[in-house]
Amino acid sequence: MKGYMTIKQASEVWGVTPRRIQVLCAGGRIEGAMKFGRDWAIPKDATKPNDKRR
């Protein structure tokens, strides 16, 4: 889809694991992320959320 990236693409851009991206999407931390079946679509202009674990 135009204007969106996959979890794998987002993990490469943001430097985090694909699993971490899934957790952020499921937790509603990535604005505009949408789930289609078992896959997530993340807007290309989305910003990496701050890590609240630290």
PDB file of N, CA and C in Angstrom:
ATOM      1  N   MET A   1       0.843  -1.184   0.000  1.00  0.00           N
ATOM      2  CA  MET A   1       0.000   0.000   0.000  1.00  0.00           C
ATOM      3  C   MET A   1       0.886   1.245   0.000  1.00  0.00           C
ATOM      4  N   LYS A   2       0.495   2.201  -0.779  1.00  0.00           N
ATOM      5  CA  LYS A   2       1.245   3.450  -0.829  1.00  0.00           C
ATOM      6  C   LYS A   2       1.070   4.216   0.471  1.00  0.00           C
ATOM      7  N   GLY A   3       2.147   4.798   0.926  1.00  0.00           N
ATOM      8  CA  GLY A   3       2.091   5.600   2.136  1.00  0.00           C
ATOM      9  C   GLY A   3       2.226   4.802   3.420  1.00  0.00           C
ATOM     10  N   TYR A   4       2.385   3.490   3.318  1.00  0.00           N
ATOM     11  CA  TYR A   4       2.506   2.637   4.501  1.00  0.00           C
ATOM     12  C   TYR A   4       3.727   1.742   4.375  1.00  0.00           C
ATOM     13  N   MET A   5       4.229   1.294   5.514  1.00  0.00           N
ATOM     14  CA  MET A   5       5.339   0.353   5.526  1.00  0.00           C
ATOM     15  C   MET A   5       4.979  -0.845   6.391  1.00  0.00           C
ATOM     16  N   THR A   6       5.702  -1.926   6.178  1.00  0.00           N
ATOM     17  CA  THR A   6       5.476  -3.149   6.945  1.00  0.00           C
ATOM     18  C   THR A   6       6.220  -3.071   8.275  1.00  0.00           C
ATOM     19  N   ILE A   7       5.957  -4.037   9.121  1.00  0.00           N
ATOM     20  CA  ILE A   7       6.669  -4.114  10.395  1.00  0.00           C
ATOM     21  C   ILE A   7       8.165  -4.267  10.146  1.00  0.00           C
ATOM     22  N   LYS A   8       8.524  -5.091   9.176  1.00  0.00           N
ATOM     23  CA  LYS A   8       9.943  -5.301   8.871  1.00  0.00           C
ATOM     24  C   LYS A   8      10.603  -4.000   8.421  1.00  0.00           C
ATOM     25  N   GLN A   9       9.942  -3.261   7.561  1.00  0.00           N
ATOM     26  CA  GLN A   9      10.494  -1.993   7.086  1.00  0.00           C
ATOM     27  C   GLN A   9      10.634  -0.995   8.235  1.00  0.00           C
ATOM     28  N   ALA A  10       9.622  -0.914   9.086  1.00  0.00           N
ATOM     29  CA  ALA A  10       9.670   0.005  10.228  1.00  0.00           C
ATOM     30  C   ALA A  10      10.797  -0.374  11.183  1.00  0.00           C
ATOM     31  N   SER A  11      11.006  -1.662  11.389  1.00  0.00           N
ATOM     32  CA  SER A  11      12.066  -2.095  12.300  1.00  0.00           C
ATOM     33  C   SER A  11      13.442  -1.715  11.759  1.00  0.00           C
ATOM     34  N   GLU A  12      13.612  -1.773  10.443  1.00  0.00           N
ATOM     35  CA  GLU A  12      14.889  -1.384   9.836  1.00  0.00           C
ATOM     36  C   GLU A  12      15.102   0.125   9.934  1.00  0.00           C
ATOM     37  N   VAL A  13      14.041   0.899   9.707  1.00  0.00           N
ATOM     38  CA  VAL A  13      14.144   2.363   9.762  1.00  0.00           C
ATOM     39  C   VAL A  13      14.399   2.838  11.189  1.00  0.00           C
ATOM     40  N   TRP A  14      13.699   2.262  12.157  1.00  0.00           N
ATOM     41  CA  TRP A  14      13.775   2.721  13.543  1.00  0.00           C
ATOM     42  C   TRP A  14      14.848   2.020  14.368  1.00  0.00           C
ATOM     43  N   GLY A  15      15.424   0.937  13.843  1.00  0.00           N
ATOM     44  CA  GLY A  15      16.485   0.239  14.562  1.00  0.00           C
ATOM     45  C   GLY A  15      16.019  -0.559  15.761  1.00  0.00           C
ATOM     46  N   VAL A  16      14.816  -1.112  15.683  1.00  0.00           N
ATOM     47  CA  VAL A  16      14.298  -1.981  16.746  1.00  0.00           C
ATOM     48  C   VAL A  16      13.834  -3.290  16.115  1.00  0.00           C
ATOM     49  N   THR A  17      13.533  -4.280  16.943  1.00  0.00           N
ATOM     50  CA  THR A  17      13.135  -5.582  16.415  1.00  0.00           C
ATOM     51  C   THR A  17      11.703  -5.548  15.882  1.00  0.00           C
ATOM     52  N   PRO A  18      11.407  -6.439  14.933  1.00  0.00           N
ATOM     53  CA  PRO A  18      10.028  -6.525  14.443  1.00  0.00           C
ATOM     54  C   PRO A  18       9.030  -6.825  15.561  1.00  0.00           C
ATOM     55  N   ARG A  19       9.426  -7.632  16.527  1.00  0.00           N
ATOM     56  CA  ARG A  19       8.528  -7.958  17.647  1.00  0.00           C
ATOM     57  C   ARG A  19       8.187  -6.706  18.445  1.00  0.00           C
ATOM     58  N   ARG A  20       9.165  -5.835  18.642  1.00  0.00           N
ATOM     59  CA  ARG A  20       8.914  -4.586  19.386  1.00  0.00           C
ATOM     60  C   ARG A  20       7.921  -3.714  18.628  1.00  0.00           C
ATOM     61  N   ILE A  21       8.030  -3.680  17.307  1.00  0.00           N
ATOM     62  CA  ILE A  21       7.087  -2.910  16.488  1.00  0.00           C
ATOM     63  C   ILE A  21       5.683  -3.482  16.651  1.00  0.00           C
ATOM     64  N   GLN A  22       5.555  -4.818  16.659  1.00  0.00           N
ATOM     65  CA  GLN A  22       4.247  -5.455  16.853  1.00  0.00           C
ATOM     66  C   GLN A  22       3.642  -5.050  18.191  1.00  0.00           C
ATOM     67  N   VAL A  23       4.452  -5.054  19.231  1.00  0.00           N
ATOM     68  CA  VAL A  23       3.974  -4.684  20.568  1.00  0.00           C
ATOM     69  C   VAL A  23       3.513  -3.228  20.585  1.00  0.00           C
ATOM     70  N   LEU A  24       4.288  -2.350  19.948  1.00  0.00           N
ATOM     71  CA  LEU A  24       3.916  -0.935  19.894  1.00  0.00           C
ATOM     72  C   LEU A  24       2.603  -0.746  19.132  1.00  0.00           C
ATOM     73  N   CYS A  25       2.445  -1.461  18.023  1.00  0.00           N
ATOM     74  CA  CYS A  25       1.200  -1.368  17.241  1.00  0.00           C
ATOM     75  C   CYS A  25       0.013  -1.868  18.057  1.00  0.00           C
ATOM     76  N   ALA A  26       0.168  -3.033  18.666  1.00  0.00           N
ATOM     77  CA  ALA A  26      -0.919  -3.628  19.445  1.00  0.00           C
ATOM     78  C   ALA A  26      -1.301  -2.754  20.635  1.00  0.00           C
ATOM     79  N   GLY A  27      -0.337  -2.033  21.172  1.00  0.00           N
ATOM     80  CA  GLY A  27      -0.594  -1.162  22.313  1.00  0.00           C
ATOM     81  C   GLY A  27      -1.101   0.214  21.926  1.00  0.00           C
ATOM     82  N   GLY A  28      -1.271   0.452  20.632  1.00  0.00           N
ATOM     83  CA  GLY A  28      -1.776   1.740  20.172  1.00  0.00           C
ATOM     84  C   GLY A  28      -0.766   2.866  20.269  1.00  0.00           C
ATOM     85  N   ARG A  29       0.511   2.527  20.315  1.00  0.00           N
ATOM     86  CA  ARG A  29       1.564   3.533  20.495  1.00  0.00           C
ATOM     87  C   ARG A  29       2.028   4.161  19.181  1.00  0.00           C
ATOM     88  N   ILE A  30       1.679   3.541  18.035  1.00  0.00           N
ATOM     89  CA  ILE A  30       2.069   4.097  16.740  1.00  0.00           C
ATOM     90  C   ILE A  30       0.816   4.664  16.086  1.00  0.00           C
ATOM     91  N   GLU A  31       0.774   5.977  15.993  1.00  0.00           N
ATOM     92  CA  GLU A  31      -0.404   6.662  15.472  1.00  0.00           C
ATOM     93  C   GLU A  31      -0.629   6.314  14.000  1.00  0.00           C
ATOM     94  N   GLY A  32      -1.844   5.890  13.687  1.00  0.00           N
ATOM     95  CA  GLY A  32      -2.213   5.588  12.316  1.00  0.00           C
ATOM     96  C   GLY A  32      -1.967   4.157  11.889  1.00  0.00           C
ATOM     97  N   ALA A  33      -1.363   3.337  12.757  1.00  0.00           N
ATOM     98  CA  ALA A  33      -1.111   1.939  12.416  1.00  0.00           C
ATOM     99  C   ALA A  33      -2.440   1.192  12.334  1.00  0.00           C
ATOM    100  N   MET A  34      -2.575   0.369  11.293  1.00  0.00           N
ATOM    101  CA  MET A  34      -3.809  -0.390  11.086  1.00  0.00           C
ATOM    102  C   MET A  34      -3.479  -1.862  10.909  1.00  0.00           C
ATOM    103  N   LYS A  35      -4.348  -2.717  11.417  1.00  0.00           N
ATOM    104  CA  LYS A  35      -4.151  -4.153  11.298  1.00  0.00           C
ATOM    105  C   LYS A  35      -5.048  -4.703  10.205  1.00  0.00           C
ATOM    106  N   PHE A  36      -4.450  -5.489   9.325  1.00  0.00           N
ATOM    107  CA  PHE A  36      -5.181  -6.166   8.258  1.00  0.00           C
ATOM    108  C   PHE A  36      -4.922  -7.656   8.416  1.00  0.00           C
ATOM    109  N   GLY A  37      -5.891  -8.369   8.983  1.00  0.00           N
ATOM    110  CA  GLY A  37      -5.671  -9.784   9.263  1.00  0.00           C
ATOM    111  C   GLY A  37      -4.620  -9.926  10.344  1.00  0.00           C
ATOM    112  N   ARG A  38      -3.488 -10.518   9.985  1.00  0.00           N
ATOM    113  CA  ARG A  38      -2.396 -10.657  10.961  1.00  0.00           C
ATOM    114  C   ARG A  38      -1.258  -9.683  10.709  1.00  0.00           C
ATOM    115  N   ASP A  39      -1.391  -8.836   9.699  1.00  0.00           N
ATOM    116  CA  ASP A  39      -0.342  -7.885   9.331  1.00  0.00           C
ATOM    117  C   ASP A  39      -0.694  -6.465   9.749  1.00  0.00           C
ATOM    118  N   TRP A  40       0.342  -5.677  10.020  1.00  0.00           N
ATOM    119  CA  TRP A  40       0.174  -4.276  10.380  1.00  0.00           C
ATOM    120  C   TRP A  40       0.651  -3.389   9.247  1.00  0.00           C
ATOM    121  N   ALA A  41      -0.038  -2.281   9.030  1.00  0.00           N
ATOM    122  CA  ALA A  41       0.369  -1.247   8.081  1.00  0.00           C
ATOM    123  C   ALA A  41       0.665   0.004   8.898  1.00  0.00           C
ATOM    124  N   ILE A  42       1.893   0.490   8.765  1.00  0.00           N
ATOM    125  CA  ILE A  42       2.353   1.638   9.549  1.00  0.00           C
ATOM    126  C   ILE A  42       2.593   2.804   8.602  1.00  0.00           C
ATOM    127  N   PRO A  43       2.014   3.969   8.883  1.00  0.00           N
ATOM    128  CA  PRO A  43       2.238   5.122   8.002  1.00  0.00           C
ATOM    129  C   PRO A  43       3.730   5.438   7.878  1.00  0.00           C
ATOM    130  N   LYS A  44       4.161   5.743   6.658  1.00  0.00           N
ATOM    131  CA  LYS A  44       5.578   6.045   6.432  1.00  0.00           C
ATOM    132  C   LYS A  44       6.024   7.293   7.178  1.00  0.00           C
ATOM    133  N   ASP A  45       5.095   8.191   7.468  1.00  0.00           N
ATOM    134  CA  ASP A  45       5.464   9.414   8.182  1.00  0.00           C
ATOM    135  C   ASP A  45       5.305   9.286   9.698  1.00  0.00           C
ATOM    136  N   ALA A  46       5.004   8.076  10.182  1.00  0.00           N
ATOM    137  CA  ALA A  46       4.865   7.860  11.628  1.00  0.00           C
ATOM    138  C   ALA A  46       6.227   8.031  12.298  1.00  0.00           C
ATOM    139  N   THR A  47       6.200   8.550  13.506  1.00  0.00           N
ATOM    140  CA  THR A  47       7.439   8.715  14.259  1.00  0.00           C
ATOM    141  C   THR A  47       7.573   7.597  15.280  1.00  0.00           C
ATOM    142  N   LYS A  48       8.809   7.257  15.570  1.00  0.00           N
ATOM    143  CA  LYS A  48       9.082   6.208  16.544  1.00  0.00           C
ATOM    144  C   LYS A  48       8.653   6.695  17.928  1.00  0.00           C
ATOM    145  N   PRO A  49       7.805   5.923  18.622  1.00  0.00           N
ATOM    146  CA  PRO A  49       7.376   6.330  19.963  1.00  0.00           C
ATOM    147  C   PRO A  49       8.549   6.303  20.945  1.00  0.00           C
ATOM    148  N   ASN A  50       8.473   7.137  21.956  1.00  0.00           N
ATOM    149  CA  ASN A  50       9.484   7.125  23.012  1.00  0.00           C
ATOM    150  C   ASN A  50       9.402   5.817  23.772  1.00  0.00           C
ATOM    151  N   ASP A  51      10.544   5.337  24.219  1.00  0.00           N
ATOM    152  CA  ASP A  51      10.609   4.090  24.972  1.00  0.00           C
ATOM    153  C   ASP A  51      10.296   4.380  26.434  1.00  0.00           C
ATOM    154  N   LYS A  52       9.119   3.973  26.881  1.00  0.00           N
ATOM    155  CA  LYS A  52       8.696   4.237  28.260  1.00  0.00           C
ATOM    156  C   LYS A  52       9.259   3.211  29.242  1.00  0.00           C
ATOM    157  N   ARG A  53       9.992   2.222  28.723  1.00  0.00           N
ATOM    158  CA  ARG A  53      10.553   1.197  29.598  1.00  0.00           C
ATOM    159  C   ARG A  53      11.750   1.716  30.381  1.00  0.00           C
ATOM    160  N   ARG A  54      12.330   2.822  29.929  1.00  0.00           N
ATOM    161  CA  ARG A  54      13.539   3.337  30.593  1.00  0.00           C
ATOM    162  C   ARG A  54      13.253   4.593  31.345  1.00  0.00           C
TER     163      ARG A  54
END
